Protein backbone atom coordinates (compact mmCIF):
# COMPACT_ATOMS: atom_id res chain seq x y z
CA MET A 1 -23.79 -16.05 6.15
CA GLY A 2 -23.64 -15.44 2.40
CA GLU A 3 -20.98 -16.52 -0.02
CA PHE A 4 -18.46 -14.00 -1.35
CA SER A 5 -15.85 -14.28 -4.04
CA MET A 6 -12.28 -13.64 -2.97
CA GLN A 7 -12.32 -10.41 -4.98
CA ASP A 8 -15.47 -9.15 -3.21
CA ALA A 9 -14.04 -10.10 0.19
CA LEU A 10 -10.79 -8.20 -0.53
CA LYS A 11 -12.68 -5.14 -1.77
CA GLN A 12 -14.79 -5.14 1.39
CA PHE A 13 -11.68 -5.51 3.57
CA LEU A 14 -9.87 -2.67 1.78
CA LYS A 15 -12.91 -0.42 2.00
CA GLN A 16 -12.75 -0.68 5.79
CA SER A 17 -8.96 -0.77 6.09
CA ARG A 18 -6.48 2.06 6.67
CA MET A 19 -4.26 0.52 3.98
CA LYS A 20 -6.66 1.54 1.21
CA GLY A 21 -4.92 4.83 0.33
CA GLY A 22 -1.49 3.23 0.15
CA ILE A 23 -2.71 0.39 -2.03
CA GLN A 24 -4.51 2.81 -4.34
CA ALA A 25 -1.34 4.91 -4.60
CA LEU A 26 0.54 1.76 -5.65
CA GLN A 27 -2.13 1.01 -8.25
CA ILE A 28 -1.78 4.54 -9.62
CA GLU A 29 2.03 4.32 -9.66
CA ASN A 30 1.83 1.04 -11.60
CA ALA A 31 -0.53 2.55 -14.17
CA TRP A 32 0.92 6.11 -14.13
CA GLU A 33 2.78 5.71 -17.44
CA GLN A 34 -0.37 4.46 -19.17
CA ILE A 35 -2.49 7.19 -17.55
CA MET A 36 -0.20 10.16 -18.27
CA GLY A 37 2.37 8.98 -20.81
CA LYS A 38 6.05 8.05 -20.70
CA THR A 39 7.50 11.56 -20.47
CA ILE A 40 5.39 12.66 -17.51
CA ALA A 41 5.90 9.32 -15.76
CA LYS A 42 9.67 9.58 -16.22
CA TYR A 43 9.85 12.97 -14.46
CA THR A 44 7.33 12.30 -11.69
CA ASP A 45 9.17 11.81 -8.40
CA SER A 46 6.34 10.49 -6.21
CA ILE A 47 2.59 9.96 -5.97
CA GLN A 48 0.59 9.93 -2.73
CA ILE A 49 -3.10 9.80 -1.81
CA ILE A 50 -4.22 11.57 1.34
CA ASN A 51 -7.94 12.05 2.03
CA GLN A 52 -9.08 11.79 -1.61
CA THR A 53 -6.33 14.17 -2.73
CA LEU A 54 -3.63 13.01 -5.14
CA PHE A 55 -0.24 14.60 -4.43
CA ILE A 56 2.15 14.55 -7.38
CA THR A 57 5.76 15.56 -6.78
CA THR A 58 8.16 16.59 -9.53
CA SER A 59 11.31 18.70 -9.60
CA VAL A 60 10.84 19.77 -13.23
CA GLY A 61 9.37 23.29 -13.42
CA PRO A 62 7.77 23.10 -16.88
CA LEU A 63 6.16 19.77 -15.99
CA LYS A 64 4.64 21.34 -12.85
CA ASN A 65 2.99 23.99 -15.02
CA GLU A 66 1.72 21.39 -17.49
CA LEU A 67 0.25 19.28 -14.68
CA LEU A 68 -1.42 22.34 -13.13
CA TYR A 69 -3.33 22.89 -16.40
CA GLN A 70 -4.34 19.22 -16.53
CA LYS A 71 -5.68 18.79 -12.97
CA GLU A 72 -9.26 17.96 -13.97
CA LYS A 73 -8.11 15.55 -16.67
CA ILE A 74 -5.77 13.84 -14.18
CA VAL A 75 -8.67 13.35 -11.74
CA GLU A 76 -10.80 11.82 -14.50
CA ARG A 77 -8.05 9.52 -15.80
CA VAL A 78 -6.96 8.29 -12.36
CA ASN A 79 -10.53 7.61 -11.21
CA GLU A 80 -11.18 5.76 -14.46
CA ALA A 81 -8.05 3.66 -13.98
CA LEU A 82 -9.07 2.80 -10.39
CA GLY A 83 -12.62 1.98 -11.43
CA GLU A 84 -14.18 4.27 -8.82
CA LYS A 85 -14.27 7.95 -7.89
CA ILE A 86 -11.50 8.08 -5.32
CA ILE A 87 -9.66 11.28 -6.22
CA LYS A 88 -11.40 14.64 -5.89
CA GLU A 89 -8.40 16.98 -6.00
CA VAL A 90 -4.85 17.08 -7.33
CA VAL A 91 -1.96 18.95 -5.70
CA ILE A 92 1.31 19.45 -7.61
CA LYS A 93 4.44 19.85 -5.48
């Protein structure tokens, strides 16, 4: 039996756990303002991850359009913030 750091043990546990998506969504929510800026963060209602898809909900029409144009950039920024390629697609609701 090898030795693991607490961080490595937690990463391994989360990799195999069903809680991974929820925890990653929380990480994104905590960093959302830094990832996308204050204005977008202020008008974003919710963020969810389901099967490597990031669902962003907002009730502001012009913001929906802006986010639709930035889908690829959002994927890049979120994956960079998480430190791994988790998100493959973005859906704006």
